[in-house]
Amino acid sequence: MAACNFSIPFTGEATSVLAKAKAAVQKQGGQFTGDTNSGQFSVSVFGNEIVGTYSVGGTNLDIVIESKPFLLPCGAIEGFLKSQITG
């Protein structure tokens, strides 16, 4: 069972949105692989890993967090990614 599921609506091209997502993950020392359809990412936070996948459906970036630190709420992850992608 996934730890978190959420969608981030976006405008414009999926390539630019994914470039922002990739930059945000890599800025935190993480890995981001995939294409404009789907992919996966991982990043270390507080010594624990956040591992997830993404898929693009129309103008939504659908995120599934497979594992995360117990004390890190899904809303914090979602908020961070939204601020990096749509901000």
PDB file of N, CA and C in Angstrom:
ATOM      1  N   MET A   1       0.832  -1.175   0.000  1.00  0.00           N
ATOM      2  CA  MET A   1       0.000   0.000   0.000  1.00  0.00           C
ATOM      3  C   MET A   1       0.883   1.247   0.000  1.00  0.00           C
ATOM      4  N   ALA A   2       0.543   2.202  -0.857  1.00  0.00           N
ATOM      5  CA  ALA A   2       1.309   3.435  -0.960  1.00  0.00           C
ATOM      6  C   ALA A   2       1.114   4.292   0.285  1.00  0.00           C
ATOM      7  N   ALA A   3       2.133   5.051   0.605  1.00  0.00           N
ATOM      8  CA  ALA A   3       2.071   5.927   1.772  1.00  0.00           C
ATOM      9  C   ALA A   3       1.259   7.189   1.481  1.00  0.00           C
ATOM     10  N   CYS A   4       1.336   7.713   0.249  1.00  0.00           N
ATOM     11  CA  CYS A   4       0.633   8.940  -0.143  1.00  0.00           C
ATOM     12  C   CYS A   4       0.303   8.888  -1.626  1.00  0.00           C
ATOM     13  N   ASN A   5      -0.814   9.494  -1.988  1.00  0.00           N
ATOM     14  CA  ASN A   5      -1.198   9.684  -3.389  1.00  0.00           C
ATOM     15  C   ASN A   5      -1.724  11.096  -3.539  1.00  0.00           C
ATOM     16  N   PHE A   6      -1.264  11.820  -4.549  1.00  0.00           N
ATOM     17  CA  PHE A   6      -1.834  13.127  -4.829  1.00  0.00           C
ATOM     18  C   PHE A   6      -1.544  13.524  -6.268  1.00  0.00           C
ATOM     19  N   SER A   7      -2.312  14.501  -6.762  1.00  0.00           N
ATOM     20  CA  SER A   7      -2.143  15.021  -8.110  1.00  0.00           C
ATOM     21  C   SER A   7      -1.823  16.498  -8.035  1.00  0.00           C
ATOM     22  N   ILE A   8      -0.947  16.929  -8.920  1.00  0.00           N
ATOM     23  CA  ILE A   8      -0.598  18.338  -9.017  1.00  0.00           C
ATOM     24  C   ILE A   8      -1.006  18.811 -10.410  1.00  0.00           C
ATOM     25  N   PRO A   9      -2.039  19.645 -10.493  1.00  0.00           N
ATOM     26  CA  PRO A   9      -2.424  20.173 -11.807  1.00  0.00           C
ATOM     27  C   PRO A   9      -1.377  21.169 -12.302  1.00  0.00           C
ATOM     28  N   PHE A  10      -1.182  21.209 -13.613  1.00  0.00           N
ATOM     29  CA  PHE A  10      -0.213  22.142 -14.171  1.00  0.00           C
ATOM     30  C   PHE A  10      -0.708  22.693 -15.488  1.00  0.00           C
ATOM     31  N   THR A  11      -0.111  23.796 -15.894  1.00  0.00           N
ATOM     32  CA  THR A  11      -0.374  24.368 -17.207  1.00  0.00           C
ATOM     33  C   THR A  11       0.922  24.335 -17.990  1.00  0.00           C
ATOM     34  N   GLY A  12       0.833  24.353 -19.280  1.00  0.00           N
ATOM     35  CA  GLY A  12       2.041  24.315 -20.106  1.00  0.00           C
ATOM     36  C   GLY A  12       2.429  22.897 -20.461  1.00  0.00           C
ATOM     37  N   GLU A  13       3.664  22.758 -20.863  1.00  0.00           N
ATOM     38  CA  GLU A  13       4.191  21.475 -21.321  1.00  0.00           C
ATOM     39  C   GLU A  13       4.642  20.598 -20.154  1.00  0.00           C
ATOM     40  N   ALA A  14       4.399  19.306 -20.280  1.00  0.00           N
ATOM     41  CA  ALA A  14       4.825  18.352 -19.257  1.00  0.00           C
ATOM     42  C   ALA A  14       6.342  18.360 -19.107  1.00  0.00           C
ATOM     43  N   THR A  15       7.066  18.588 -20.198  1.00  0.00           N
ATOM     44  CA  THR A  15       8.527  18.572 -20.119  1.00  0.00           C
ATOM     45  C   THR A  15       9.052  19.643 -19.175  1.00  0.00           C
ATOM     46  N   SER A  16       8.449  20.836 -19.182  1.00  0.00           N
ATOM     47  CA  SER A  16       8.943  21.888 -18.299  1.00  0.00           C
ATOM     48  C   SER A  16       8.567  21.614 -16.843  1.00  0.00           C
ATOM     49  N   VAL A  17       7.390  21.042 -16.626  1.00  0.00           N
ATOM     50  CA  VAL A  17       6.972  20.684 -15.270  1.00  0.00           C
ATOM     51  C   VAL A  17       7.883  19.604 -14.710  1.00  0.00           C
ATOM     52  N   LEU A  18       8.180  18.608 -15.512  1.00  0.00           N
ATOM     53  CA  LEU A  18       9.055  17.529 -15.057  1.00  0.00           C
ATOM     54  C   LEU A  18      10.485  18.019 -14.846  1.00  0.00           C
ATOM     55  N   ALA A  19      10.914  18.983 -15.646  1.00  0.00           N
ATOM     56  CA  ALA A  19      12.250  19.552 -15.445  1.00  0.00           C
ATOM     57  C   ALA A  19      12.329  20.238 -14.082  1.00  0.00           C
ATOM     58  N   LYS A  20      11.253  20.938 -13.689  1.00  0.00           N
ATOM     59  CA  LYS A  20      11.213  21.578 -12.369  1.00  0.00           C
ATOM     60  C   LYS A  20      11.211  20.528 -11.262  1.00  0.00           C
ATOM     61  N   ALA A  21      10.438  19.469 -11.447  1.00  0.00           N
ATOM     62  CA  ALA A  21      10.382  18.401 -10.443  1.00  0.00           C
ATOM     63  C   ALA A  21      11.749  17.739 -10.305  1.00  0.00           C
ATOM     64  N   LYS A  22      12.376  17.470 -11.428  1.00  0.00           N
ATOM     65  CA  LYS A  22      13.698  16.837 -11.410  1.00  0.00           C
ATOM     66  C   LYS A  22      14.709  17.734 -10.707  1.00  0.00           C
ATOM     67  N   ALA A  23      14.679  19.031 -11.003  1.00  0.00           N
ATOM     68  CA  ALA A  23      15.605  19.969 -10.372  1.00  0.00           C
ATOM     69  C   ALA A  23      15.382  20.015  -8.860  1.00  0.00           C
ATOM     70  N   ALA A  24      14.125  19.996  -8.421  1.00  0.00           N
ATOM     71  CA  ALA A  24      13.816  20.041  -6.990  1.00  0.00           C
ATOM     72  C   ALA A  24      14.352  18.808  -6.279  1.00  0.00           C
ATOM     73  N   VAL A  25      14.181  17.642  -6.886  1.00  0.00           N
ATOM     74  CA  VAL A  25      14.653  16.389  -6.285  1.00  0.00           C
ATOM     75  C   VAL A  25      16.176  16.357  -6.270  1.00  0.00           C
ATOM     76  N   GLN A  26      16.785  16.720  -7.378  1.00  0.00           N
ATOM     77  CA  GLN A  26      18.244  16.677  -7.453  1.00  0.00           C
ATOM     78  C   GLN A  26      18.886  17.722  -6.546  1.00  0.00           C
ATOM     79  N   LYS A  27      18.222  18.855  -6.347  1.00  0.00           N
ATOM     80  CA  LYS A  27      18.732  19.885  -5.445  1.00  0.00           C
ATOM     81  C   LYS A  27      18.849  19.350  -4.016  1.00  0.00           C
ATOM     82  N   GLN A  28      17.982  18.390  -3.671  1.00  0.00           N
ATOM     83  CA  GLN A  28      18.013  17.761  -2.352  1.00  0.00           C
ATOM     84  C   GLN A  28      18.916  16.526  -2.328  1.00  0.00           C
ATOM     85  N   GLY A  29      19.651  16.299  -3.432  1.00  0.00           N
ATOM     86  CA  GLY A  29      20.577  15.172  -3.503  1.00  0.00           C
ATOM     87  C   GLY A  29      19.931  13.871  -3.927  1.00  0.00           C
ATOM     88  N   GLY A  30      18.737  13.949  -4.506  1.00  0.00           N
ATOM     89  CA  GLY A  30      18.003  12.753  -4.890  1.00  0.00           C
ATOM     90  C   GLY A  30      18.199  12.345  -6.332  1.00  0.00           C
ATOM     91  N   GLN A  31      17.533  11.258  -6.699  1.00  0.00           N
ATOM     92  CA  GLN A  31      17.562  10.701  -8.048  1.00  0.00           C
ATOM     93  C   GLN A  31      16.190  10.848  -8.691  1.00  0.00           C
ATOM     94  N   PHE A  32      16.152  11.184  -9.976  1.00  0.00           N
ATOM     95  CA  PHE A  32      14.899  11.355 -10.704  1.00  0.00           C
ATOM     96  C   PHE A  32      15.100  10.795 -12.094  1.00  0.00           C
ATOM     97  N   THR A  33      14.341   9.745 -12.441  1.00  0.00           N
ATOM     98  CA  THR A  33      14.460   9.143 -13.764  1.00  0.00           C
ATOM     99  C   THR A  33      13.078   8.958 -14.366  1.00  0.00           C
ATOM    100  N   GLY A  34      13.008   9.021 -15.673  1.00  0.00           N
ATOM    101  CA  GLY A  34      11.742   8.801 -16.351  1.00  0.00           C
ATOM    102  C   GLY A  34      11.620   9.673 -17.584  1.00  0.00           C
ATOM    103  N   ASP A  35      10.410   9.717 -18.117  1.00  0.00           N
ATOM    104  CA  ASP A  35      10.135  10.502 -19.315  1.00  0.00           C
ATOM    105  C   ASP A  35       8.848  11.294 -19.105  1.00  0.00           C
ATOM    106  N   THR A  36       8.258  11.790 -20.196  1.00  0.00           N
ATOM    107  CA  THR A  36       7.065  12.623 -20.072  1.00  0.00           C
ATOM    108  C   THR A  36       5.805  11.823 -19.777  1.00  0.00           C
ATOM    109  N   ASN A  37       5.915  10.514 -19.676  1.00  0.00           N
ATOM    110  CA  ASN A  37       4.770   9.674 -19.324  1.00  0.00           C
ATOM    111  C   ASN A  37       4.805   9.215 -17.875  1.00  0.00           C
ATOM    112  N   SER A  38       5.971   8.750 -17.434  1.00  0.00           N
ATOM    113  CA  SER A  38       6.084   8.214 -16.078  1.00  0.00           C
ATOM    114  C   SER A  38       7.547   8.072 -15.684  1.00  0.00           C
ATOM    115  N   GLY A  39       7.748   7.855 -14.394  1.00  0.00           N
ATOM    116  CA  GLY A  39       9.102   7.666 -13.898  1.00  0.00           C
ATOM    117  C   GLY A  39       9.108   7.462 -12.400  1.00  0.00           C
ATOM    118  N   GLN A  40      10.283   7.573 -11.814  1.00  0.00           N
ATOM    119  CA  GLN A  40      10.436   7.351 -10.384  1.00  0.00           C
ATOM    120  C   GLN A  40      11.465   8.311  -9.814  1.00  0.00           C
ATOM    121  N   PHE A  41      11.416   8.466  -8.503  1.00  0.00           N
ATOM    122  CA  PHE A  41      12.348   9.354  -7.835  1.00  0.00           C
ATOM    123  C   PHE A  41      12.594   8.863  -6.422  1.00  0.00           C
ATOM    124  N   SER A  42      13.707   9.295  -5.859  1.00  0.00           N
ATOM    125  CA  SER A  42      14.021   9.017  -4.461  1.00  0.00           C
ATOM    126  C   SER A  42      14.890  10.151  -3.949  1.00  0.00           C
ATOM    127  N   VAL A  43      14.705  10.469  -2.687  1.00  0.00           N
ATOM    128  CA  VAL A  43      15.475  11.530  -2.060  1.00  0.00           C
ATOM    129  C   VAL A  43      15.571  11.240  -0.572  1.00  0.00           C
ATOM    130  N   SER A  44      16.713  11.564   0.016  1.00  0.00           N
ATOM    131  CA  SER A  44      16.924  11.329   1.430  1.00  0.00           C
ATOM    132  C   SER A  44      16.523  12.578   2.217  1.00  0.00           C
ATOM    133  N   VAL A  45      15.702  12.372   3.243  1.00  0.00           N
ATOM    134  CA  VAL A  45      15.245  13.460   4.109  1.00  0.00           C
ATOM    135  C   VAL A  45      15.411  13.003   5.552  1.00  0.00           C
ATOM    136  N   PHE A  46      16.130  13.770   6.335  1.00  0.00           N
ATOM    137  CA  PHE A  46      16.359  13.427   7.744  1.00  0.00           C
ATOM    138  C   PHE A  46      16.926  12.020   7.905  1.00  0.00           C
ATOM    139  N   GLY A  47      17.773  11.596   6.956  1.00  0.00           N
ATOM    140  CA  GLY A  47      18.389  10.283   7.035  1.00  0.00           C
ATOM    141  C   GLY A  47      17.499   9.137   6.594  1.00  0.00           C
ATOM    142  N   ASN A  48      16.290   9.449   6.123  1.00  0.00           N
ATOM    143  CA  ASN A  48      15.365   8.435   5.618  1.00  0.00           C
ATOM    144  C   ASN A  48      15.016   8.767   4.173  1.00  0.00           C
ATOM    145  N   GLU A  49      14.636   7.743   3.435  1.00  0.00           N
ATOM    146  CA  GLU A  49      14.333   7.969   2.031  1.00  0.00           C
ATOM    147  C   GLU A  49      12.850   8.153   1.763  1.00  0.00           C
ATOM    148  N   ILE A  50      12.582   9.093   0.855  1.00  0.00           N
ATOM    149  CA  ILE A  50      11.254   9.216   0.247  1.00  0.00           C
ATOM    150  C   ILE A  50      11.398   8.592  -1.128  1.00  0.00           C
ATOM    151  N   VAL A  51      10.577   7.603  -1.420  1.00  0.00           N
ATOM    152  CA  VAL A  51      10.625   6.911  -2.699  1.00  0.00           C
ATOM    153  C   VAL A  51       9.250   6.985  -3.322  1.00  0.00           C
ATOM    154  N   GLY A  52       9.209   7.367  -4.600  1.00  0.00           N
ATOM    155  CA  GLY A  52       7.912   7.481  -5.248  1.00  0.00           C
ATOM    156  C   GLY A  52       7.990   7.334  -6.749  1.00  0.00           C
ATOM    157  N   THR A  53       6.811   7.350  -7.346  1.00  0.00           N
ATOM    158  CA  THR A  53       6.674   7.295  -8.790  1.00  0.00           C
ATOM    159  C   THR A  53       5.773   8.439  -9.229  1.00  0.00           C
ATOM    160  N   TYR A  54       5.859   8.753 -10.512  1.00  0.00           N
ATOM    161  CA  TYR A  54       4.960   9.757 -11.074  1.00  0.00           C
ATOM    162  C   TYR A  54       4.443   9.278 -12.416  1.00  0.00           C
ATOM    163  N   SER A  55       3.297   9.819 -12.791  1.00  0.00           N
ATOM    164  CA  SER A  55       2.774   9.627 -14.140  1.00  0.00           C
ATOM    165  C   SER A  55       2.079  10.917 -14.545  1.00  0.00           C
ATOM    166  N   VAL A  56       2.085  11.175 -15.835  1.00  0.00           N
ATOM    167  CA  VAL A  56       1.446  12.368 -16.372  1.00  0.00           C
ATOM    168  C   VAL A  56       0.154  11.943 -17.038  1.00  0.00           C
ATOM    169  N   GLY A  57      -0.940  12.564 -16.595  1.00  0.00           N
ATOM    170  CA  GLY A  57      -2.252  12.307 -17.182  1.00  0.00           C
ATOM    171  C   GLY A  57      -2.883  13.618 -17.594  1.00  0.00           C
ATOM    172  N   GLY A  58      -2.787  13.960 -18.874  1.00  0.00           N
ATOM    173  CA  GLY A  58      -3.322  15.239 -19.334  1.00  0.00           C
ATOM    174  C   GLY A  58      -2.530  16.384 -18.730  1.00  0.00           C
ATOM    175  N   THR A  59      -3.208  17.204 -17.915  1.00  0.00           N
ATOM    176  CA  THR A  59      -2.537  18.331 -17.267  1.00  0.00           C
ATOM    177  C   THR A  59      -2.400  18.097 -15.764  1.00  0.00           C
ATOM    178  N   ASN A  60      -2.261  16.840 -15.378  1.00  0.00           N
ATOM    179  CA  ASN A  60      -2.036  16.469 -13.981  1.00  0.00           C
ATOM    180  C   ASN A  60      -0.775  15.638 -13.853  1.00  0.00           C
ATOM    181  N   LEU A  61       0.011  15.956 -12.851  1.00  0.00           N
ATOM    182  CA  LEU A  61       1.160  15.142 -12.488  1.00  0.00           C
ATOM    183  C   LEU A  61       0.718  14.317 -11.286  1.00  0.00           C
ATOM    184  N   ASP A  62       0.549  13.030 -11.495  1.00  0.00           N
ATOM    185  CA  ASP A  62       0.071  12.130 -10.446  1.00  0.00           C
ATOM    186  C   ASP A  62       1.272  11.528  -9.726  1.00  0.00           C
ATOM    187  N   ILE A  63       1.305  11.717  -8.409  1.00  0.00           N
ATOM    188  CA  ILE A  63       2.429  11.278  -7.588  1.00  0.00           C
ATOM    189  C   ILE A  63       1.968  10.172  -6.644  1.00  0.00           C
ATOM    190  N   VAL A  64       2.756   9.108  -6.551  1.00  0.00           N
ATOM    191  CA  VAL A  64       2.528   8.044  -5.575  1.00  0.00           C
ATOM    192  C   VAL A  64       3.811   7.920  -4.756  1.00  0.00           C
ATOM    193  N   ILE A  65       3.709   8.204  -3.470  1.00  0.00           N
ATOM    194  CA  ILE A  65       4.848   8.041  -2.569  1.00  0.00           C
ATOM    195  C   ILE A  65       4.761   6.631  -2.001  1.00  0.00           C
ATOM    196  N   GLU A  66       5.748   5.807  -2.337  1.00  0.00           N
ATOM    197  CA  GLU A  66       5.760   4.409  -1.897  1.00  0.00           C
ATOM    198  C   GLU A  66       6.252   4.259  -0.461  1.00  0.00           C
ATOM    199  N   SER A  67       7.242   5.060  -0.094  1.00  0.00           N
ATOM    200  CA  SER A  67       7.738   5.016   1.281  1.00  0.00           C
ATOM    201  C   SER A  67       8.254   6.392   1.661  1.00  0.00           C
ATOM    202  N   LYS A  68       8.143   6.698   2.965  1.00  0.00           N
ATOM    203  CA  LYS A  68       8.563   7.985   3.481  1.00  0.00           C
ATOM    204  C   LYS A  68       8.853   7.831   4.964  1.00  0.00           C
ATOM    205  N   PRO A  69       9.544   8.808   5.551  1.00  0.00           N
ATOM    206  CA  PRO A  69       9.735   8.766   7.000  1.00  0.00           C
ATOM    207  C   PRO A  69       8.382   8.844   7.711  1.00  0.00           C
ATOM    208  N   PHE A  70       8.219   8.065   8.742  1.00  0.00           N
ATOM    209  CA  PHE A  70       6.947   7.976   9.462  1.00  0.00           C
ATOM    210  C   PHE A  70       6.454   9.341   9.943  1.00  0.00           C
ATOM    211  N   LEU A  71       7.361  10.165  10.428  1.00  0.00           N
ATOM    212  CA  LEU A  71       6.974  11.446  11.013  1.00  0.00           C
ATOM    213  C   LEU A  71       6.802  12.570   9.994  1.00  0.00           C
ATOM    214  N   LEU A  72       7.046  12.302   8.724  1.00  0.00           N
ATOM    215  CA  LEU A  72       6.881  13.315   7.684  1.00  0.00           C
ATOM    216  C   LEU A  72       5.506  13.152   7.046  1.00  0.00           C
ATOM    217  N   PRO A  73       4.601  14.123   7.268  1.00  0.00           N
ATOM    218  CA  PRO A  73       3.251  13.975   6.735  1.00  0.00           C
ATOM    219  C   PRO A  73       3.190  14.114   5.212  1.00  0.00           C
ATOM    220  N   CYS A  74       2.229  13.429   4.624  1.00  0.00           N
ATOM    221  CA  CYS A  74       2.027  13.494   3.176  1.00  0.00           C
ATOM    222  C   CYS A  74       1.819  14.934   2.718  1.00  0.00           C
ATOM    223  N   GLY A  75       1.081  15.703   3.510  1.00  0.00           N
ATOM    224  CA  GLY A  75       0.815  17.090   3.145  1.00  0.00           C
ATOM    225  C   GLY A  75       2.078  17.922   3.004  1.00  0.00           C
ATOM    226  N   ALA A  76       3.089  17.631   3.813  1.00  0.00           N
ATOM    227  CA  ALA A  76       4.350  18.362   3.718  1.00  0.00           C
ATOM    228  C   ALA A  76       5.060  18.036   2.411  1.00  0.00           C
ATOM    229  N   ILE A  77       5.037  16.782   2.017  1.00  0.00           N
ATOM    230  CA  ILE A  77       5.657  16.366   0.749  1.00  0.00           C
ATOM    231  C   ILE A  77       4.912  17.008  -0.409  1.00  0.00           C
ATOM    232  N   GLU A  78       3.591  16.918  -0.378  1.00  0.00           N
ATOM    233  CA  GLU A  78       2.763  17.492  -1.443  1.00  0.00           C
ATOM    234  C   GLU A  78       2.997  19.006  -1.541  1.00  0.00           C
ATOM    235  N   GLY A  79       2.996  19.688  -0.408  1.00  0.00           N
ATOM    236  CA  GLY A  79       3.197  21.133  -0.407  1.00  0.00           C
ATOM    237  C   GLY A  79       4.544  21.533  -0.975  1.00  0.00           C
ATOM    238  N   PHE A  80       5.588  20.797  -0.603  1.00  0.00           N
ATOM    239  CA  PHE A  80       6.919  21.096  -1.115  1.00  0.00           C
ATOM    240  C   PHE A  80       6.959  20.920  -2.635  1.00  0.00           C
ATOM    241  N   LEU A  81       6.448  19.789  -3.119  1.00  0.00           N
ATOM    242  CA  LEU A  81       6.482  19.545  -4.557  1.00  0.00           C
ATOM    243  C   LEU A  81       5.653  20.564  -5.330  1.00  0.00           C
ATOM    244  N   LYS A  82       4.475  20.896  -4.825  1.00  0.00           N
ATOM    245  CA  LYS A  82       3.639  21.909  -5.486  1.00  0.00           C
ATOM    246  C   LYS A  82       4.364  23.238  -5.566  1.00  0.00           C
ATOM    247  N   SER A  83       5.009  23.640  -4.488  1.00  0.00           N
ATOM    248  CA  SER A  83       5.706  24.938  -4.489  1.00  0.00           C
ATOM    249  C   SER A  83       6.855  24.946  -5.494  1.00  0.00           C
ATOM    250  N   GLN A  84       7.507  23.809  -5.668  1.00  0.00           N
ATOM    251  CA  GLN A  84       8.636  23.723  -6.590  1.00  0.00           C
ATOM    252  C   GLN A  84       8.187  23.645  -8.053  1.00  0.00           C
ATOM    253  N   ILE A  85       7.048  23.010  -8.289  1.00  0.00           N
ATOM    254  CA  ILE A  85       6.593  22.762  -9.658  1.00  0.00           C
ATOM    255  C   ILE A  85       5.751  23.903 -10.204  1.00  0.00           C
ATOM    256  N   THR A  86       4.841  24.421  -9.373  1.00  0.00           N
ATOM    257  CA  THR A  86       3.927  25.440  -9.869  1.00  0.00           C
ATOM    258  C   THR A  86       4.348  26.847  -9.486  1.00  0.00           C
ATOM    259  N   GLY A  87       5.337  26.948  -8.613  1.00  0.00           N
ATOM    260  CA  GLY A  87       5.768  28.267  -8.129  1.00  0.00           C
ATOM    261  C   GLY A  87       6.776  28.923  -9.019  1.00  0.00           C
TER     262      GLY A  87
END
